[in-house]
Amino acid sequence: MSKSNVYKKMNIYVDLAVEAHDLLRGDTGREVSGVIMKEEDLSNVTVTTITITNKNGEKELGRPQGNYLTLAAPEIKYNSYVEHQNIAEVLAGQLQKLFDFHEESSILVVGLGNWQATPDSLGPKVVEKIMVTRHLFHYTPEEMKGNMRKVSAISPGVLGITGIETAEVIRGLVEHIKPDYVIAIDALAAGALERIGTTIQIADTGINPGSGIGNHRKGLNQETLGCKVIAIGVPTVVNAAVIAHKTVEELFGQMEAEPALSKMYSEENEEVLMGVLSRALSPFQDSLMVTPKDVDDLIERTSRIIANALNICIHPGITKDNSDTYLQ
């Protein structure tokens, strides 16, 4: 059974466009029509750009047309100030490609997620650290205005806490303060264990909060908000079914390689075992998500990197060398 079919059967959704692309390409062994992939290495960070160019690409990857940039940086997991600053600088550089700022540009940063649930608190943690300036901008001397832009930020909470759809809260704010850009930060669900806490995704197509864990909410995008929406996400959880499938893959790979066990291997046996795992997970109705025990450290590290990158990207007066000074 192909990996993409297994994921469909077990209702596993992957938030990362690069993973969705790899699933399809792994099944077909060919490039996906309507999808362009480019990869480059920048200072220990691998940047993969997935561009969906037409309706066929949309259909195949299950995502709207646009650009999806994935930064793979294993050094995020380690407590290295120098490496984290380097990752923040690379992230800022990739973000700057998606904006067309001018001196009067106004930016609204939205920290999506539940601050009461650690794996889902990335967005609120980033907002805590962002340098907000909208309330000061009109009182700033003219000679200083070239060093900063108007930034406001909010963590709107989640429907279960506020009783209000996130999209409704943000739409009301956008109508009132009229930003040129909305930047939405959210925790994502990975399709592979090694992606947790080592990968940052940027998308210029907006975001659907909670999609990775099956919570289908109204999207935040240019169509719903009337301004460009850039989404930033980091995988912090993985579906338990992904771990189960990986275990089966490793088991049957070993069985194929070992002469004594090769007779036991067959696609039929693999399907039977996948069925057993599916039934074992059925009490959770595909909603069992797994996160590392040190997820609090993961959230703190990634939120600092993202906040640093945003401050560098947005404010001309902030650089890699002084960005820590402006973290809240």
C-alpha atoms as a PDB file:
ATOM      1  CA  MET A   1       0.000   0.000   0.000  1.00  0.00           C
ATOM      2  CA  SER A   2       1.430   3.393  -0.945  1.00  0.00           C
ATOM      3  CA  LYS A   3       2.295   5.816   1.835  1.00  0.00           C
ATOM      4  CA  SER A   4      -0.144   8.473   0.609  1.00  0.00           C
ATOM      5  CA  ASN A   5      -2.960   5.906   0.558  1.00  0.00           C
ATOM      6  CA  VAL A   6      -2.079   4.840   4.097  1.00  0.00           C
ATOM      7  CA  TYR A   7      -2.213   8.471   5.237  1.00  0.00           C
ATOM      8  CA  LYS A   8      -5.601   8.945   3.560  1.00  0.00           C
ATOM      9  CA  LYS A   9      -6.959   5.737   5.073  1.00  0.00           C
ATOM     10  CA  MET A  10      -5.801   6.728   8.563  1.00  0.00           C
ATOM     11  CA  ASN A  11      -6.948  10.367   8.145  1.00  0.00           C
ATOM     12  CA  ILE A  12      -3.449  11.783   8.585  1.00  0.00           C
ATOM     13  CA  TYR A  13      -3.151  15.367   7.316  1.00  0.00           C
ATOM     14  CA  VAL A  14       0.291  16.920   6.870  1.00  0.00           C
ATOM     15  CA  ASP A  15       0.602  20.684   7.298  1.00  0.00           C
ATOM     16  CA  LEU A  16       3.952  20.937   5.532  1.00  0.00           C
ATOM     17  CA  ALA A  17       3.676  21.390   1.763  1.00  0.00           C
ATOM     18  CA  VAL A  18       7.091  19.784   1.277  1.00  0.00           C
ATOM     19  CA  GLU A  19       5.850  16.617   3.007  1.00  0.00           C
ATOM     20  CA  ALA A  20       2.681  16.528   0.909  1.00  0.00           C
ATOM     21  CA  HIS A  21       4.849  16.889  -2.205  1.00  0.00           C
ATOM     22  CA  ASP A  22       7.234  14.134  -1.074  1.00  0.00           C
ATOM     23  CA  LEU A  23       4.294  11.793  -0.427  1.00  0.00           C
ATOM     24  CA  LEU A  24       2.962  12.270  -3.950  1.00  0.00           C
ATOM     25  CA  ARG A  25       6.334  12.107  -5.650  1.00  0.00           C
ATOM     26  CA  GLY A  26       7.264   9.009  -3.666  1.00  0.00           C
ATOM     27  CA  ASP A  27       4.151   7.216  -4.917  1.00  0.00           C
ATOM     28  CA  THR A  28       4.412   8.190  -8.581  1.00  0.00           C
ATOM     29  CA  GLY A  29       8.183   8.460  -8.975  1.00  0.00           C
ATOM     30  CA  ARG A  30       7.734  11.591 -11.086  1.00  0.00           C
ATOM     31  CA  GLU A  31       7.343  15.325 -10.689  1.00  0.00           C
ATOM     32  CA  VAL A  32       3.855  16.587  -9.856  1.00  0.00           C
ATOM     33  CA  SER A  33       2.281  18.626 -12.667  1.00  0.00           C
ATOM     34  CA  GLY A  34       1.615  22.202 -11.579  1.00  0.00           C
ATOM     35  CA  VAL A  35       4.175  22.048  -8.771  1.00  0.00           C
ATOM     36  CA  ILE A  36       7.731  23.407  -8.902  1.00  0.00           C
ATOM     37  CA  MET A  37      10.299  22.519  -6.234  1.00  0.00           C
ATOM     38  CA  LYS A  38      13.590  24.312  -5.631  1.00  0.00           C
ATOM     39  CA  GLU A  39      16.151  23.601  -2.908  1.00  0.00           C
ATOM     40  CA  GLU A  40      19.129  25.596  -1.670  1.00  0.00           C
ATOM     41  CA  ASP A  41      21.512  25.479   1.295  1.00  0.00           C
ATOM     42  CA  LEU A  42      22.043  28.699   3.241  1.00  0.00           C
ATOM     43  CA  SER A  43      24.354  28.695   6.267  1.00  0.00           C
ATOM     44  CA  ASN A  44      23.412  25.260   7.671  1.00  0.00           C
ATOM     45  CA  VAL A  45      19.748  25.801   6.769  1.00  0.00           C
ATOM     46  CA  THR A  46      18.155  23.917   3.870  1.00  0.00           C
ATOM     47  CA  VAL A  47      15.467  26.037   2.206  1.00  0.00           C
ATOM     48  CA  THR A  48      12.962  24.173   0.038  1.00  0.00           C
ATOM     49  CA  THR A  49      10.489  26.218  -2.005  1.00  0.00           C
ATOM     50  CA  ILE A  50       7.314  24.561  -3.266  1.00  0.00           C
ATOM     51  CA  THR A  51       5.404  26.695  -5.786  1.00  0.00           C
ATOM     52  CA  ILE A  52       1.909  25.609  -6.813  1.00  0.00           C
ATOM     53  CA  THR A  53       1.240  27.153 -10.206  1.00  0.00           C
ATOM     54  CA  ASN A  54      -2.143  25.859 -11.388  1.00  0.00           C
ATOM     55  CA  LYS A  55      -5.387  24.059 -10.491  1.00  0.00           C
ATOM     56  CA  ASN A  56      -3.856  20.623 -10.960  1.00  0.00           C
ATOM     57  CA  GLY A  57      -1.159  21.451  -8.422  1.00  0.00           C
ATOM     58  CA  GLU A  58      -3.849  22.685  -6.037  1.00  0.00           C
ATOM     59  CA  LYS A  59      -5.777  19.438  -6.412  1.00  0.00           C
ATOM     60  CA  GLU A  60      -2.745  17.171  -6.045  1.00  0.00           C
ATOM     61  CA  LEU A  61      -1.310  18.875  -2.965  1.00  0.00           C
ATOM     62  CA  GLY A  62      -4.620  19.955  -1.440  1.00  0.00           C
ATOM     63  CA  ARG A  63      -3.448  23.540  -1.039  1.00  0.00           C
ATOM     64  CA  PRO A  64      -4.115  26.855  -2.810  1.00  0.00           C
ATOM     65  CA  GLN A  65      -1.767  28.245  -5.446  1.00  0.00           C
ATOM     66  CA  GLY A  66       1.189  30.111  -4.022  1.00  0.00           C
ATOM     67  CA  ASN A  67       4.623  29.746  -2.457  1.00  0.00           C
ATOM     68  CA  TYR A  68       5.503  27.460   0.450  1.00  0.00           C
ATOM     69  CA  LEU A  69       9.011  27.808   1.876  1.00  0.00           C
ATOM     70  CA  THR A  70      10.359  25.204   4.276  1.00  0.00           C
ATOM     71  CA  LEU A  71      13.454  25.866   6.371  1.00  0.00           C
ATOM     72  CA  ALA A  72      15.013  22.658   7.687  1.00  0.00           C
ATOM     73  CA  ALA A  73      17.385  23.508  10.533  1.00  0.00           C
ATOM     74  CA  PRO A  74      18.249  20.648  12.917  1.00  0.00           C
ATOM     75  CA  GLU A  75      20.282  23.110  15.029  1.00  0.00           C
ATOM     76  CA  ILE A  76      17.001  24.559  16.342  1.00  0.00           C
ATOM     77  CA  LYS A  77      16.875  21.615  18.739  1.00  0.00           C
ATOM     78  CA  TYR A  78      20.125  22.603  20.420  1.00  0.00           C
ATOM     79  CA  ASN A  79      20.768  25.464  22.793  1.00  0.00           C
ATOM     80  CA  SER A  80      23.176  27.383  20.562  1.00  0.00           C
ATOM     81  CA  TYR A  81      22.774  31.164  20.553  1.00  0.00           C
ATOM     82  CA  VAL A  82      24.995  31.611  17.481  1.00  0.00           C
ATOM     83  CA  GLU A  83      23.113  28.999  15.436  1.00  0.00           C
ATOM     84  CA  HIS A  84      19.728  30.385  16.479  1.00  0.00           C
ATOM     85  CA  GLN A  85      20.763  33.892  15.419  1.00  0.00           C
ATOM     86  CA  ASN A  86      21.937  32.478  12.100  1.00  0.00           C
ATOM     87  CA  ILE A  87      18.602  30.688  11.553  1.00  0.00           C
ATOM     88  CA  ALA A  88      16.725  33.890  12.434  1.00  0.00           C
ATOM     89  CA  GLU A  89      18.751  35.824   9.846  1.00  0.00           C
ATOM     90  CA  VAL A  90      18.047  33.217   7.136  1.00  0.00           C
ATOM     91  CA  LEU A  91      14.345  33.224   8.055  1.00  0.00           C
ATOM     92  CA  ALA A  92      14.247  37.033   7.909  1.00  0.00           C
ATOM     93  CA  GLY A  93      15.827  36.941   4.455  1.00  0.00           C
ATOM     94  CA  GLN A  94      13.231  34.484   3.171  1.00  0.00           C
ATOM     95  CA  LEU A  95      10.389  36.534   4.661  1.00  0.00           C
ATOM     96  CA  GLN A  96      11.631  39.729   3.008  1.00  0.00           C
ATOM     97  CA  LYS A  97      11.131  38.106  -0.400  1.00  0.00           C
ATOM     98  CA  LEU A  98       7.377  37.940   0.287  1.00  0.00           C
ATOM     99  CA  PHE A  99       6.866  41.566   1.322  1.00  0.00           C
ATOM    100  CA  ASP A 100       6.915  44.862  -0.519  1.00  0.00           C
ATOM    101  CA  PHE A 101       7.247  47.230   2.433  1.00  0.00           C
ATOM    102  CA  HIS A 102       7.226  51.010   2.223  1.00  0.00           C
ATOM    103  CA  GLU A 103       7.826  53.552   4.975  1.00  0.00           C
ATOM    104  CA  GLU A 104       4.158  53.721   5.990  1.00  0.00           C
ATOM    105  CA  SER A 105       3.475  49.970   5.850  1.00  0.00           C
ATOM    106  CA  SER A 106       1.325  48.639   8.677  1.00  0.00           C
ATOM    107  CA  ILE A 107       1.636  45.039   9.881  1.00  0.00           C
ATOM    108  CA  LEU A 108      -0.628  43.001  12.151  1.00  0.00           C
ATOM    109  CA  VAL A 109       1.018  39.957  13.763  1.00  0.00           C
ATOM    110  CA  VAL A 110      -1.433  37.278  14.895  1.00  0.00           C
ATOM    111  CA  GLY A 111      -0.396  34.555  17.334  1.00  0.00           C
ATOM    112  CA  LEU A 112      -2.780  31.691  16.676  1.00  0.00           C
ATOM    113  CA  GLY A 113      -3.246  28.855  19.137  1.00  0.00           C
ATOM    114  CA  ASN A 114      -4.122  28.006  22.717  1.00  0.00           C
ATOM    115  CA  TRP A 115      -1.761  29.544  25.279  1.00  0.00           C
ATOM    116  CA  GLN A 116      -3.058  27.009  27.845  1.00  0.00           C
ATOM    117  CA  ALA A 117      -1.775  24.023  25.809  1.00  0.00           C
ATOM    118  CA  THR A 118       2.027  24.077  25.482  1.00  0.00           C
ATOM    119  CA  PRO A 119       2.322  22.387  22.043  1.00  0.00           C
ATOM    120  CA  ASP A 120      -0.221  24.877  20.663  1.00  0.00           C
ATOM    121  CA  SER A 121       1.231  28.001  22.284  1.00  0.00           C
ATOM    122  CA  LEU A 122       3.806  28.950  19.629  1.00  0.00           C
ATOM    123  CA  GLY A 123       1.763  31.855  18.218  1.00  0.00           C
ATOM    124  CA  PRO A 124       1.064  33.534  21.581  1.00  0.00           C
ATOM    125  CA  LYS A 125       4.720  33.086  22.609  1.00  0.00           C
ATOM    126  CA  VAL A 126       5.928  34.836  19.445  1.00  0.00           C
ATOM    127  CA  VAL A 127       3.504  37.715  20.023  1.00  0.00           C
ATOM    128  CA  GLU A 128       4.922  38.158  23.550  1.00  0.00           C
ATOM    129  CA  LYS A 129       8.362  38.804  22.029  1.00  0.00           C
ATOM    130  CA  ILE A 130       7.457  40.971  19.018  1.00  0.00           C
ATOM    131  CA  MET A 131       8.386  44.658  19.042  1.00  0.00           C
ATOM    132  CA  VAL A 132       5.057  46.488  18.678  1.00  0.00           C
ATOM    133  CA  THR A 133       5.160  50.134  17.575  1.00  0.00           C
ATOM    134  CA  ARG A 134       1.743  51.178  16.263  1.00  0.00           C
ATOM    135  CA  HIS A 135       0.864  53.001  19.492  1.00  0.00           C
ATOM    136  CA  LEU A 136       4.147  54.950  19.367  1.00  0.00           C
ATOM    137  CA  PHE A 137       4.478  55.643  15.661  1.00  0.00           C
ATOM    138  CA  HIS A 138       2.646  58.975  15.573  1.00  0.00           C
ATOM    139  CA  TYR A 139       4.836  60.377  18.387  1.00  0.00           C
ATOM    140  CA  THR A 140       8.155  59.299  16.896  1.00  0.00           C
ATOM    141  CA  PRO A 141      10.516  62.013  15.578  1.00  0.00           C
ATOM    142  CA  GLU A 142      10.643  62.091  11.791  1.00  0.00           C
ATOM    143  CA  GLU A 143      14.333  61.195  11.728  1.00  0.00           C
ATOM    144  CA  MET A 144      13.581  57.943  13.604  1.00  0.00           C
ATOM    145  CA  LYS A 145      10.650  56.758  11.490  1.00  0.00           C
ATOM    146  CA  GLY A 146      12.905  55.290   8.836  1.00  0.00           C
ATOM    147  CA  ASN A 147      14.138  52.751  11.389  1.00  0.00           C
ATOM    148  CA  MET A 148      10.778  51.165  12.184  1.00  0.00           C
ATOM    149  CA  ARG A 149       7.334  50.346  10.827  1.00  0.00           C
ATOM    150  CA  LYS A 150       3.864  50.255  12.352  1.00  0.00           C
ATOM    151  CA  VAL A 151       3.400  46.879  14.038  1.00  0.00           C
ATOM    152  CA  SER A 152       0.510  45.667  16.161  1.00  0.00           C
ATOM    153  CA  ALA A 153       0.067  42.174  17.578  1.00  0.00           C
ATOM    154  CA  ILE A 154      -2.628  40.025  19.134  1.00  0.00           C
ATOM    155  CA  SER A 155      -3.198  36.505  20.433  1.00  0.00           C
ATOM    156  CA  PRO A 156      -6.933  35.971  19.853  1.00  0.00           C
ATOM    157  CA  GLY A 157      -7.128  32.638  21.676  1.00  0.00           C
ATOM    158  CA  VAL A 158      -9.144  29.714  20.390  1.00  0.00           C
ATOM    159  CA  LEU A 159     -12.850  29.067  19.959  1.00  0.00           C
ATOM    160  CA  GLY A 160     -12.981  26.870  23.071  1.00  0.00           C
ATOM    161  CA  ILE A 161     -11.685  29.716  25.261  1.00  0.00           C
ATOM    162  CA  THR A 162     -13.373  32.760  23.716  1.00  0.00           C
ATOM    163  CA  GLY A 163     -16.465  31.330  22.037  1.00  0.00           C
ATOM    164  CA  ILE A 164     -15.526  33.409  18.986  1.00  0.00           C
ATOM    165  CA  GLU A 165     -14.078  32.130  15.720  1.00  0.00           C
ATOM    166  CA  THR A 166     -10.496  33.342  15.286  1.00  0.00           C
ATOM    167  CA  ALA A 167     -11.272  34.497  11.743  1.00  0.00           C
ATOM    168  CA  GLU A 168     -14.097  36.702  13.068  1.00  0.00           C
ATOM    169  CA  VAL A 169     -11.812  38.357  15.642  1.00  0.00           C
ATOM    170  CA  ILE A 170      -9.076  39.026  13.091  1.00  0.00           C
ATOM    171  CA  ARG A 171     -11.514  40.235  10.436  1.00  0.00           C
ATOM    172  CA  GLY A 172     -12.896  42.799  12.903  1.00  0.00           C
ATOM    173  CA  LEU A 173      -9.398  44.032  13.720  1.00  0.00           C
ATOM    174  CA  VAL A 174      -8.398  44.237  10.074  1.00  0.00           C
ATOM    175  CA  GLU A 175     -11.498  46.283   9.246  1.00  0.00           C
ATOM    176  CA  HIS A 176     -10.617  48.725  12.036  1.00  0.00           C
ATOM    177  CA  ILE A 177      -6.830  49.150  11.811  1.00  0.00           C
ATOM    178  CA  LYS A 178      -6.501  48.358   8.077  1.00  0.00           C
ATOM    179  CA  PRO A 179      -3.036  46.731   7.999  1.00  0.00           C
ATOM    180  CA  ASP A 180      -1.191  46.213   4.724  1.00  0.00           C
ATOM    181  CA  TYR A 181      -0.111  42.742   5.857  1.00  0.00           C
ATOM    182  CA  VAL A 182      -1.220  40.124   8.348  1.00  0.00           C
ATOM    183  CA  ILE A 183       1.402  37.680   9.623  1.00  0.00           C
ATOM    184  CA  ALA A 184      -0.131  34.616  11.274  1.00  0.00           C
ATOM    185  CA  ILE A 185       1.954  32.239  13.406  1.00  0.00           C
ATOM    186  CA  ASP A 186       0.686  28.793  14.361  1.00  0.00           C
ATOM    187  CA  ALA A 187       1.832  25.376  15.557  1.00  0.00           C
ATOM    188  CA  LEU A 188       1.603  22.654  12.899  1.00  0.00           C
ATOM    189  CA  ALA A 189       1.273  18.878  12.703  1.00  0.00           C
ATOM    190  CA  ALA A 190       4.189  17.016  11.122  1.00  0.00           C
ATOM    191  CA  GLY A 191       4.084  14.019   8.829  1.00  0.00           C
ATOM    192  CA  ALA A 192       7.449  12.756  10.077  1.00  0.00           C
ATOM    193  CA  LEU A 193       9.011  12.628  13.542  1.00  0.00           C
ATOM    194  CA  GLU A 194      12.239  14.286  12.433  1.00  0.00           C
ATOM    195  CA  ARG A 195      10.325  17.440  11.412  1.00  0.00           C
ATOM    196  CA  ILE A 196       9.204  18.253  14.964  1.00  0.00           C
ATOM    197  CA  GLY A 197      11.007  21.337  16.223  1.00  0.00           C
ATOM    198  CA  THR A 198      13.493  21.384  13.341  1.00  0.00           C
ATOM    199  CA  THR A 199      11.404  22.884  10.547  1.00  0.00           C
ATOM    200  CA  ILE A 200       9.805  26.271   9.874  1.00  0.00           C
ATOM    201  CA  GLN A 201       7.263  26.756   7.079  1.00  0.00           C
ATOM    202  CA  ILE A 202       6.350  30.070   5.472  1.00  0.00           C
ATOM    203  CA  ALA A 203       3.360  30.373   3.128  1.00  0.00           C
ATOM    204  CA  ASP A 204       2.040  33.397   1.233  1.00  0.00           C
ATOM    205  CA  THR A 205      -1.415  31.811   0.890  1.00  0.00           C
ATOM    206  CA  GLY A 206      -2.658  32.329   4.441  1.00  0.00           C
ATOM    207  CA  ILE A 207      -3.605  29.624   6.910  1.00  0.00           C
ATOM    208  CA  ASN A 208      -6.467  27.476   8.169  1.00  0.00           C
ATOM    209  CA  PRO A 209      -6.094  27.341  11.972  1.00  0.00           C
ATOM    210  CA  GLY A 210      -6.167  23.821  13.441  1.00  0.00           C
ATOM    211  CA  SER A 211      -6.230  21.992  10.108  1.00  0.00           C
ATOM    212  CA  GLY A 212      -3.380  19.680  11.078  1.00  0.00           C
ATOM    213  CA  ILE A 213      -5.262  18.217  14.033  1.00  0.00           C
ATOM    214  CA  GLY A 214      -8.621  18.028  12.300  1.00  0.00           C
ATOM    215  CA  ASN A 215     -10.135  21.283  13.592  1.00  0.00           C
ATOM    216  CA  HIS A 216     -11.532  22.852  10.446  1.00  0.00           C
ATOM    217  CA  ARG A 217     -11.886  26.601  11.010  1.00  0.00           C
ATOM    218  CA  LYS A 218     -12.424  29.545   8.701  1.00  0.00           C
ATOM    219  CA  GLY A 219      -9.245  30.457   6.854  1.00  0.00           C
ATOM    220  CA  LEU A 220      -7.166  33.590   7.236  1.00  0.00           C
ATOM    221  CA  ASN A 221      -6.211  34.642   3.715  1.00  0.00           C
ATOM    222  CA  GLN A 222      -6.430  37.535   1.272  1.00  0.00           C
ATOM    223  CA  GLU A 223      -9.932  36.512   0.232  1.00  0.00           C
ATOM    224  CA  THR A 224     -11.342  36.575   3.781  1.00  0.00           C
ATOM    225  CA  LEU A 225      -9.337  39.518   5.175  1.00  0.00           C
ATOM    226  CA  GLY A 226      -8.768  41.724   2.130  1.00  0.00           C
ATOM    227  CA  CYS A 227      -5.002  42.032   2.634  1.00  0.00           C
ATOM    228  CA  LYS A 228      -1.995  39.807   2.058  1.00  0.00           C
ATOM    229  CA  VAL A 229      -1.583  37.094   4.702  1.00  0.00           C
ATOM    230  CA  ILE A 230       1.753  35.410   5.392  1.00  0.00           C
ATOM    231  CA  ALA A 231       1.667  32.272   7.538  1.00  0.00           C
ATOM    232  CA  ILE A 232       4.562  30.971   9.638  1.00  0.00           C
ATOM    233  CA  GLY A 233       4.387  27.592  11.319  1.00  0.00           C
ATOM    234  CA  VAL A 234       6.491  25.045  13.180  1.00  0.00           C
ATOM    235  CA  PRO A 235       5.503  21.379  13.615  1.00  0.00           C
ATOM    236  CA  THR A 236       5.153  20.612  17.327  1.00  0.00           C
ATOM    237  CA  VAL A 237       3.029  17.440  17.211  1.00  0.00           C
ATOM    238  CA  VAL A 238       2.688  14.300  15.117  1.00  0.00           C
ATOM    239  CA  ASN A 239      -0.296  11.989  14.723  1.00  0.00           C
ATOM    240  CA  ALA A 240       0.211   8.701  16.598  1.00  0.00           C
ATOM    241  CA  ALA A 241      -0.751   6.918  13.375  1.00  0.00           C
ATOM    242  CA  VAL A 242       2.398   8.346  11.740  1.00  0.00           C
ATOM    243  CA  ILE A 243       4.538   6.642  14.396  1.00  0.00           C
ATOM    244  CA  ALA A 244       2.582   3.413  13.937  1.00  0.00           C
ATOM    245  CA  HIS A 245       3.079   3.532  10.165  1.00  0.00           C
ATOM    246  CA  LYS A 246       6.801   4.274  10.537  1.00  0.00           C
ATOM    247  CA  THR A 247       7.128   1.236  12.830  1.00  0.00           C
ATOM    248  CA  VAL A 248       5.442  -1.002  10.245  1.00  0.00           C
ATOM    249  CA  GLU A 249       7.676   0.416   7.482  1.00  0.00           C
ATOM    250  CA  GLU A 250      10.819  -0.330   9.480  1.00  0.00           C
ATOM    251  CA  LEU A 251       9.591  -3.824  10.375  1.00  0.00           C
ATOM    252  CA  PHE A 252       8.767  -4.824   6.817  1.00  0.00           C
ATOM    253  CA  GLY A 253      11.938  -3.200   5.485  1.00  0.00           C
ATOM    254  CA  GLN A 254      13.910  -5.402   7.853  1.00  0.00           C
ATOM    255  CA  MET A 255      11.888  -8.457   6.833  1.00  0.00           C
ATOM    256  CA  GLU A 256      12.640  -7.801   3.149  1.00  0.00           C
ATOM    257  CA  ALA A 257      16.357  -7.441   3.840  1.00  0.00           C
ATOM    258  CA  GLU A 258      16.741 -10.561   6.004  1.00  0.00           C
ATOM    259  CA  PRO A 259      16.735 -13.835   4.022  1.00  0.00           C
ATOM    260  CA  ALA A 260      15.277 -15.724   6.981  1.00  0.00           C
ATOM    261  CA  LEU A 261      12.336 -13.325   7.196  1.00  0.00           C
ATOM    262  CA  SER A 262      11.816 -12.416   3.524  1.00  0.00           C
ATOM    263  CA  LYS A 263       9.249 -15.189   3.015  1.00  0.00           C
ATOM    264  CA  MET A 264       7.026 -13.540   5.629  1.00  0.00           C
ATOM    265  CA  TYR A 265       7.017 -10.243   3.733  1.00  0.00           C
ATOM    266  CA  SER A 266       4.145  -9.393   1.415  1.00  0.00           C
ATOM    267  CA  GLU A 267       2.045  -6.328   0.679  1.00  0.00           C
ATOM    268  CA  GLU A 268      -0.983  -8.282   1.902  1.00  0.00           C
ATOM    269  CA  ASN A 269       0.640  -8.839   5.310  1.00  0.00           C
ATOM    270  CA  GLU A 270       1.539  -5.159   5.453  1.00  0.00           C
ATOM    271  CA  GLU A 271      -2.082  -4.192   4.817  1.00  0.00           C
ATOM    272  CA  VAL A 272      -3.259  -6.638   7.493  1.00  0.00           C
ATOM    273  CA  LEU A 273      -0.866  -5.126  10.038  1.00  0.00           C
ATOM    274  CA  MET A 274      -1.919  -1.589   9.101  1.00  0.00           C
ATOM    275  CA  GLY A 275      -5.512  -2.669   9.702  1.00  0.00           C
ATOM    276  CA  VAL A 276      -4.560  -3.955  13.153  1.00  0.00           C
ATOM    277  CA  LEU A 277      -2.867  -0.651  14.013  1.00  0.00           C
ATOM    278  CA  SER A 278      -5.863   1.269  12.715  1.00  0.00           C
ATOM    279  CA  ARG A 279      -8.178  -0.670  15.015  1.00  0.00           C
ATOM    280  CA  ALA A 280      -5.808  -0.193  17.958  1.00  0.00           C
ATOM    281  CA  LEU A 281      -5.957   3.589  17.476  1.00  0.00           C
ATOM    282  CA  SER A 282      -9.702   3.669  16.754  1.00  0.00           C
ATOM    283  CA  PRO A 283     -10.771   4.620  20.335  1.00  0.00           C
ATOM    284  CA  PHE A 284      -9.141   8.003  19.695  1.00  0.00           C
ATOM    285  CA  GLN A 285     -10.873   8.479  16.316  1.00  0.00           C
ATOM    286  CA  ASP A 286      -7.646   9.656  14.646  1.00  0.00           C
ATOM    287  CA  SER A 287      -7.169  12.423  17.233  1.00  0.00           C
ATOM    288  CA  LEU A 288      -4.250  11.037  19.252  1.00  0.00           C
ATOM    289  CA  MET A 289      -1.383  13.503  18.828  1.00  0.00           C
ATOM    290  CA  VAL A 290       2.132  13.014  20.229  1.00  0.00           C
ATOM    291  CA  THR A 291       4.578  15.733  21.290  1.00  0.00           C
ATOM    292  CA  PRO A 292       8.089  15.629  22.843  1.00  0.00           C
ATOM    293  CA  LYS A 293       8.345  15.880  26.628  1.00  0.00           C
ATOM    294  CA  ASP A 294      10.583  18.951  26.261  1.00  0.00           C
ATOM    295  CA  VAL A 295       8.041  20.753  24.076  1.00  0.00           C
ATOM    296  CA  ASP A 296       8.168  23.780  26.409  1.00  0.00           C
ATOM    297  CA  ASP A 297      11.839  24.312  25.511  1.00  0.00           C
ATOM    298  CA  LEU A 298      11.039  23.713  21.833  1.00  0.00           C
ATOM    299  CA  ILE A 299       8.346  26.412  21.917  1.00  0.00           C
ATOM    300  CA  GLU A 300      10.646  28.869  23.696  1.00  0.00           C
ATOM    301  CA  ARG A 301      13.493  28.353  21.209  1.00  0.00           C
ATOM    302  CA  THR A 302      11.378  28.542  18.066  1.00  0.00           C
ATOM    303  CA  SER A 303       9.347  31.513  19.304  1.00  0.00           C
ATOM    304  CA  ARG A 304      12.555  33.497  19.933  1.00  0.00           C
ATOM    305  CA  ILE A 305      13.904  32.618  16.483  1.00  0.00           C
ATOM    306  CA  ILE A 306      10.660  33.633  14.745  1.00  0.00           C
ATOM    307  CA  ALA A 307      10.248  36.842  16.771  1.00  0.00           C
ATOM    308  CA  ASN A 308      13.871  37.790  16.050  1.00  0.00           C
ATOM    309  CA  ALA A 309      13.381  37.112  12.338  1.00  0.00           C
ATOM    310  CA  LEU A 310      10.184  39.175  12.199  1.00  0.00           C
ATOM    311  CA  ASN A 311      11.779  42.108  14.020  1.00  0.00           C
ATOM    312  CA  ILE A 312      14.738  42.051  11.592  1.00  0.00           C
ATOM    313  CA  CYS A 313      12.467  41.667   8.561  1.00  0.00           C
ATOM    314  CA  ILE A 314       9.963  44.371   9.490  1.00  0.00           C
ATOM    315  CA  HIS A 315      12.055  47.105  11.123  1.00  0.00           C
ATOM    316  CA  PRO A 316      14.932  48.584   9.047  1.00  0.00           C
ATOM    317  CA  GLY A 317      16.758  49.655  12.220  1.00  0.00           C
ATOM    318  CA  ILE A 318      16.963  46.127  13.641  1.00  0.00           C
ATOM    319  CA  THR A 319      19.749  43.825  12.502  1.00  0.00           C
ATOM    320  CA  LYS A 320      21.092  40.403  13.440  1.00  0.00           C
ATOM    321  CA  ASP A 321      23.626  42.103  15.736  1.00  0.00           C
ATOM    322  CA  ASN A 322      21.118  44.099  17.812  1.00  0.00           C
ATOM    323  CA  SER A 323      17.889  42.099  17.429  1.00  0.00           C
ATOM    324  CA  ASP A 324      18.065  40.538  20.912  1.00  0.00           C
ATOM    325  CA  THR A 325      17.824  44.027  22.408  1.00  0.00           C
ATOM    326  CA  TYR A 326      14.320  44.416  20.978  1.00  0.00           C
ATOM    327  CA  LEU A 327      12.849  41.087  22.117  1.00  0.00           C
ATOM    328  CA  GLN A 328      10.090  41.757  24.632  1.00  0.00           C
END
